[in-house]
């Protein structure tokens, strides 16, 4: 261990520890480890130099060796306004969009008819939705509509409406 005007440093078995007025650094022989600065902290590791940089504004994941993005795994479902959404939750949202698109594609009731039953298909970002719906003319000027949709993700959507015309 060495102590001088610049701080404290230690070197042993390929790992280094250094501390001074602006940073604390602990690194292994490959240069990975923990660096604590006054305005941010960097944790790095892995064979591809993956790192996490934490500061007052964000947490940034990156691959410093290649510049390629990295995958963050094991993220729980977001539950609050400012939680991250994981891929499973995003796919569920895609299913909701696909089944809603399917419901909007159920043909409308012809003016001369009183009842129609229809099927609609929808597709959004790799997810397929199917919907069934019915239209019923209660009076010459009033139509009721109901629909139910589902998607390959298992999401179900539903809707109902009424229209009066004159």
C-alpha atoms as a PDB file:
ATOM      1  CA  UNK A   1       0.000   0.000   0.000  1.00  0.00           C
ATOM      2  CA  UNK A   2       1.214   3.456  -0.858  1.00  0.00           C
ATOM      3  CA  UNK A   3       0.086   6.673   0.796  1.00  0.00           C
ATOM      4  CA  UNK A   4       1.215  10.003  -0.617  1.00  0.00           C
ATOM      5  CA  UNK A   5      -0.091  13.500  -1.314  1.00  0.00           C
ATOM      6  CA  UNK A   6      -2.244  12.150  -4.157  1.00  0.00           C
ATOM      7  CA  UNK A   7      -4.108   9.652  -1.966  1.00  0.00           C
ATOM      8  CA  UNK A   8      -3.927   5.947  -1.187  1.00  0.00           C
ATOM      9  CA  UNK A   9      -3.210   3.148  -3.643  1.00  0.00           C
ATOM     10  CA  UNK A  10      -2.761  -0.580  -3.305  1.00  0.00           C
ATOM     11  CA  UNK A  11      -1.838  -3.231  -5.820  1.00  0.00           C
ATOM     12  CA  UNK A  12      -2.193  -6.930  -5.172  1.00  0.00           C
ATOM     13  CA  UNK A  13      -2.764 -10.051  -7.239  1.00  0.00           C
ATOM     14  CA  UNK A  14      -3.711  -8.024 -10.325  1.00  0.00           C
ATOM     15  CA  UNK A  15      -6.291  -5.884  -8.541  1.00  0.00           C
ATOM     16  CA  UNK A  16      -5.833  -2.229  -7.683  1.00  0.00           C
ATOM     17  CA  UNK A  17      -7.434   0.071  -5.171  1.00  0.00           C
ATOM     18  CA  UNK A  18      -6.901   3.801  -5.290  1.00  0.00           C
ATOM     19  CA  UNK A  19      -8.441   6.653  -3.335  1.00  0.00           C
ATOM     20  CA  UNK A  20      -7.901  10.372  -3.675  1.00  0.00           C
ATOM     21  CA  UNK A  21      -9.879  13.583  -3.255  1.00  0.00           C
ATOM     22  CA  UNK A  22     -11.916  13.054  -6.448  1.00  0.00           C
ATOM     23  CA  UNK A  23     -12.376   9.280  -6.824  1.00  0.00           C
ATOM     24  CA  UNK A  24     -12.255   5.816  -5.333  1.00  0.00           C
ATOM     25  CA  UNK A  25     -11.380   3.062  -7.807  1.00  0.00           C
ATOM     26  CA  UNK A  26     -11.309  -0.700  -7.360  1.00  0.00           C
ATOM     27  CA  UNK A  27     -10.362  -2.630 -10.509  1.00  0.00           C
ATOM     28  CA  UNK A  28      -9.347  -6.167 -11.359  1.00  0.00           C
ATOM     29  CA  UNK A  29      -6.576  -7.132 -13.791  1.00  0.00           C
ATOM     30  CA  UNK A  30      -8.899  -6.649 -16.807  1.00  0.00           C
ATOM     31  CA  UNK A  31      -9.726  -3.058 -15.833  1.00  0.00           C
ATOM     32  CA  UNK A  32     -13.244  -3.876 -14.652  1.00  0.00           C
ATOM     33  CA  UNK A  33     -14.576  -2.861 -11.280  1.00  0.00           C
ATOM     34  CA  UNK A  34     -16.050   0.084  -9.444  1.00  0.00           C
ATOM     35  CA  UNK A  35     -15.237   3.775  -9.806  1.00  0.00           C
ATOM     36  CA  UNK A  36     -16.861   6.289  -7.467  1.00  0.00           C
ATOM     37  CA  UNK A  37     -16.542   9.936  -8.491  1.00  0.00           C
ATOM     38  CA  UNK A  38     -18.126  13.010  -6.920  1.00  0.00           C
ATOM     39  CA  UNK A  39     -20.788  13.287  -9.658  1.00  0.00           C
ATOM     40  CA  UNK A  40     -21.307   9.674 -10.807  1.00  0.00           C
ATOM     41  CA  UNK A  41     -20.466   6.022 -10.171  1.00  0.00           C
ATOM     42  CA  UNK A  42     -19.401   3.468 -12.785  1.00  0.00           C
ATOM     43  CA  UNK A  43     -19.650  -0.304 -12.367  1.00  0.00           C
ATOM     44  CA  UNK A  44     -18.091  -2.400 -15.137  1.00  0.00           C
ATOM     45  CA  UNK A  45     -17.526  -6.071 -15.813  1.00  0.00           C
ATOM     46  CA  UNK A  46     -18.039  -8.989 -18.142  1.00  0.00           C
ATOM     47  CA  UNK A  47     -15.987 -10.116 -21.105  1.00  0.00           C
ATOM     48  CA  UNK A  48     -17.577  -7.433 -23.317  1.00  0.00           C
ATOM     49  CA  UNK A  49     -16.961  -4.458 -21.010  1.00  0.00           C
ATOM     50  CA  UNK A  50     -20.547  -3.914 -19.976  1.00  0.00           C
ATOM     51  CA  UNK A  51     -20.923  -0.946 -17.686  1.00  0.00           C
ATOM     52  CA  UNK A  52     -23.531   0.860 -15.618  1.00  0.00           C
ATOM     53  CA  UNK A  53     -23.058   4.599 -15.114  1.00  0.00           C
ATOM     54  CA  UNK A  54     -25.183   6.178 -12.370  1.00  0.00           C
ATOM     55  CA  UNK A  55     -25.561   9.931 -11.920  1.00  0.00           C
ATOM     56  CA  UNK A  56     -28.158  12.397 -10.640  1.00  0.00           C
ATOM     57  CA  UNK A  57     -30.184  12.220 -13.859  1.00  0.00           C
ATOM     58  CA  UNK A  58     -30.071   8.627 -15.124  1.00  0.00           C
ATOM     59  CA  UNK A  59     -28.654   5.137 -15.133  1.00  0.00           C
ATOM     60  CA  UNK A  60     -26.947   4.307 -18.433  1.00  0.00           C
ATOM     61  CA  UNK A  61     -26.074   0.772 -19.526  1.00  0.00           C
ATOM     62  CA  UNK A  62     -23.570   0.364 -22.343  1.00  0.00           C
ATOM     63  CA  UNK A  63     -20.915  -1.837 -23.898  1.00  0.00           C
ATOM     64  CA  UNK A  64     -17.824   0.334 -23.840  1.00  0.00           C
ATOM     65  CA  UNK A  65     -15.770  -2.042 -25.999  1.00  0.00           C
ATOM     66  CA  UNK A  66     -18.124  -2.267 -28.991  1.00  0.00           C
ATOM     67  CA  UNK A  67     -20.641   0.537 -28.546  1.00  0.00           C
ATOM     68  CA  UNK A  68     -23.414  -2.037 -28.970  1.00  0.00           C
ATOM     69  CA  UNK A  69     -26.507  -1.934 -26.756  1.00  0.00           C
ATOM     70  CA  UNK A  70     -26.852  -4.452 -23.959  1.00  0.00           C
ATOM     71  CA  UNK A  71     -29.822  -6.352 -22.589  1.00  0.00           C
ATOM     72  CA  UNK A  72     -31.033  -5.730 -19.053  1.00  0.00           C
ATOM     73  CA  UNK A  73     -32.729  -8.867 -17.746  1.00  0.00           C
ATOM     74  CA  UNK A  74     -34.680  -9.763 -14.632  1.00  0.00           C
ATOM     75  CA  UNK A  75     -36.716  -6.539 -14.660  1.00  0.00           C
ATOM     76  CA  UNK A  76     -39.935  -6.909 -12.668  1.00  0.00           C
ATOM     77  CA  UNK A  77     -43.245  -5.607 -14.002  1.00  0.00           C
ATOM     78  CA  UNK A  78     -43.570  -1.870 -13.674  1.00  0.00           C
ATOM     79  CA  UNK A  79     -46.322  -0.983 -11.208  1.00  0.00           C
ATOM     80  CA  UNK A  80     -46.032   2.771 -10.613  1.00  0.00           C
ATOM     81  CA  UNK A  81     -46.032   5.845 -12.843  1.00  0.00           C
ATOM     82  CA  UNK A  82     -42.252   6.078 -13.122  1.00  0.00           C
ATOM     83  CA  UNK A  83     -41.348   2.362 -13.227  1.00  0.00           C
ATOM     84  CA  UNK A  84     -39.756   0.826 -16.302  1.00  0.00           C
ATOM     85  CA  UNK A  85     -41.858  -1.474 -18.476  1.00  0.00           C
ATOM     86  CA  UNK A  86     -40.418  -4.883 -19.297  1.00  0.00           C
ATOM     87  CA  UNK A  87     -40.742  -6.677 -22.651  1.00  0.00           C
ATOM     88  CA  UNK A  88     -43.585  -8.913 -21.464  1.00  0.00           C
ATOM     89  CA  UNK A  89     -45.658  -5.868 -20.511  1.00  0.00           C
ATOM     90  CA  UNK A  90     -44.860  -4.237 -23.842  1.00  0.00           C
ATOM     91  CA  UNK A  91     -46.026  -7.349 -25.729  1.00  0.00           C
ATOM     92  CA  UNK A  92     -49.277  -7.250 -23.744  1.00  0.00           C
ATOM     93  CA  UNK A  93     -49.790  -3.659 -24.889  1.00  0.00           C
ATOM     94  CA  UNK A  94     -49.152  -4.759 -28.491  1.00  0.00           C
ATOM     95  CA  UNK A  95     -51.891  -7.379 -28.005  1.00  0.00           C
ATOM     96  CA  UNK A  96     -54.297  -4.716 -26.791  1.00  0.00           C
ATOM     97  CA  UNK A  97     -53.606  -2.628 -29.883  1.00  0.00           C
ATOM     98  CA  UNK A  98     -54.001  -5.628 -32.225  1.00  0.00           C
ATOM     99  CA  UNK A  99     -57.343  -6.657 -30.732  1.00  0.00           C
ATOM    100  CA  UNK A 100     -58.587  -3.055 -30.805  1.00  0.00           C
ATOM    101  CA  UNK A 101     -57.629  -2.811 -34.481  1.00  0.00           C
ATOM    102  CA  UNK A 102     -59.582  -6.041 -35.033  1.00  0.00           C
ATOM    103  CA  UNK A 103     -62.676  -4.563 -33.362  1.00  0.00           C
ATOM    104  CA  UNK A 104     -62.542  -1.455 -35.551  1.00  0.00           C
ATOM    105  CA  UNK A 105     -62.538  -3.659 -38.649  1.00  0.00           C
ATOM    106  CA  UNK A 106     -65.912  -5.254 -37.940  1.00  0.00           C
ATOM    107  CA  UNK A 107     -68.151  -3.952 -40.730  1.00  0.00           C
ATOM    108  CA  UNK A 108     -70.929  -1.522 -39.843  1.00  0.00           C
ATOM    109  CA  UNK A 109     -74.628  -2.300 -40.070  1.00  0.00           C
ATOM    110  CA  UNK A 110     -76.217  -1.676 -43.474  1.00  0.00           C
ATOM    111  CA  UNK A 111     -78.882   1.044 -43.418  1.00  0.00           C
ATOM    112  CA  UNK A 112     -81.599  -1.348 -44.567  1.00  0.00           C
ATOM    113  CA  UNK A 113     -80.779  -4.059 -42.003  1.00  0.00           C
ATOM    114  CA  UNK A 114     -81.622  -4.511 -38.311  1.00  0.00           C
ATOM    115  CA  UNK A 115     -78.904  -6.908 -37.108  1.00  0.00           C
ATOM    116  CA  UNK A 116     -75.395  -7.820 -38.172  1.00  0.00           C
ATOM    117  CA  UNK A 117     -72.720 -10.033 -36.714  1.00  0.00           C
ATOM    118  CA  UNK A 118     -69.163  -9.594 -37.908  1.00  0.00           C
ATOM    119  CA  UNK A 119     -65.557 -10.622 -37.461  1.00  0.00           C
ATOM    120  CA  UNK A 120     -62.504  -8.390 -37.650  1.00  0.00           C
ATOM    121  CA  UNK A 121     -58.762  -9.039 -37.799  1.00  0.00           C
ATOM    122  CA  UNK A 122     -55.974  -6.794 -36.560  1.00  0.00           C
ATOM    123  CA  UNK A 123     -52.205  -6.896 -36.523  1.00  0.00           C
ATOM    124  CA  UNK A 124     -49.656  -4.810 -34.638  1.00  0.00           C
ATOM    125  CA  UNK A 125     -45.889  -5.394 -34.164  1.00  0.00           C
ATOM    126  CA  UNK A 126     -46.002  -9.170 -34.614  1.00  0.00           C
ATOM    127  CA  UNK A 127     -49.218  -9.661 -32.655  1.00  0.00           C
ATOM    128  CA  UNK A 128     -52.489 -10.761 -34.266  1.00  0.00           C
ATOM    129  CA  UNK A 129     -55.911  -9.835 -32.923  1.00  0.00           C
ATOM    130  CA  UNK A 130     -59.348 -11.299 -33.691  1.00  0.00           C
ATOM    131  CA  UNK A 131     -62.673  -9.736 -32.761  1.00  0.00           C
ATOM    132  CA  UNK A 132     -66.353 -10.535 -33.040  1.00  0.00           C
ATOM    133  CA  UNK A 133     -69.081  -7.972 -32.802  1.00  0.00           C
ATOM    134  CA  UNK A 134     -72.735  -7.297 -33.362  1.00  0.00           C
ATOM    135  CA  UNK A 135     -74.751  -4.295 -34.477  1.00  0.00           C
ATOM    136  CA  UNK A 136     -78.432  -3.937 -33.661  1.00  0.00           C
ATOM    137  CA  UNK A 137     -80.793  -1.279 -35.000  1.00  0.00           C
ATOM    138  CA  UNK A 138     -83.243  -0.490 -32.159  1.00  0.00           C
ATOM    139  CA  UNK A 139     -85.100   2.215 -34.081  1.00  0.00           C
ATOM    140  CA  UNK A 140     -84.656   3.608 -37.587  1.00  0.00           C
ATOM    141  CA  UNK A 141     -82.310   6.206 -36.060  1.00  0.00           C
ATOM    142  CA  UNK A 142     -80.588   4.296 -33.233  1.00  0.00           C
ATOM    143  CA  UNK A 143     -77.927   1.577 -33.532  1.00  0.00           C
ATOM    144  CA  UNK A 144     -76.216  -0.352 -30.733  1.00  0.00           C
ATOM    145  CA  UNK A 145     -72.825  -1.984 -31.219  1.00  0.00           C
ATOM    146  CA  UNK A 146     -70.822  -4.426 -29.074  1.00  0.00           C
ATOM    147  CA  UNK A 147     -67.482  -6.079 -29.727  1.00  0.00           C
ATOM    148  CA  UNK A 148     -65.018  -8.398 -28.070  1.00  0.00           C
ATOM    149  CA  UNK A 149     -61.443  -8.892 -29.209  1.00  0.00           C
ATOM    150  CA  UNK A 150     -58.527 -11.077 -28.224  1.00  0.00           C
ATOM    151  CA  UNK A 151     -54.890 -11.292 -29.303  1.00  0.00           C
ATOM    152  CA  UNK A 152     -52.177 -13.929 -29.560  1.00  0.00           C
ATOM    153  CA  UNK A 153     -50.785 -12.531 -26.277  1.00  0.00           C
ATOM    154  CA  UNK A 154     -53.995 -13.506 -24.473  1.00  0.00           C
ATOM    155  CA  UNK A 155     -55.155  -9.911 -24.068  1.00  0.00           C
ATOM    156  CA  UNK A 156     -58.872  -9.275 -24.335  1.00  0.00           C
ATOM    157  CA  UNK A 157     -60.498  -5.993 -25.291  1.00  0.00           C
ATOM    158  CA  UNK A 158     -64.123  -5.048 -25.377  1.00  0.00           C
ATOM    159  CA  UNK A 159     -66.255  -2.148 -26.382  1.00  0.00           C
ATOM    160  CA  UNK A 160     -69.790  -0.969 -26.814  1.00  0.00           C
ATOM    161  CA  UNK A 161     -71.395   2.012 -28.401  1.00  0.00           C
ATOM    162  CA  UNK A 162     -74.630   3.565 -29.483  1.00  0.00           C
ATOM    163  CA  UNK A 163     -75.317   5.945 -32.330  1.00  0.00           C
ATOM    164  CA  UNK A 164     -78.376   8.040 -33.039  1.00  0.00           C
ATOM    165  CA  UNK A 165     -78.760   9.647 -36.436  1.00  0.00           C
ATOM    166  CA  UNK A 166     -81.130  12.189 -37.898  1.00  0.00           C
END
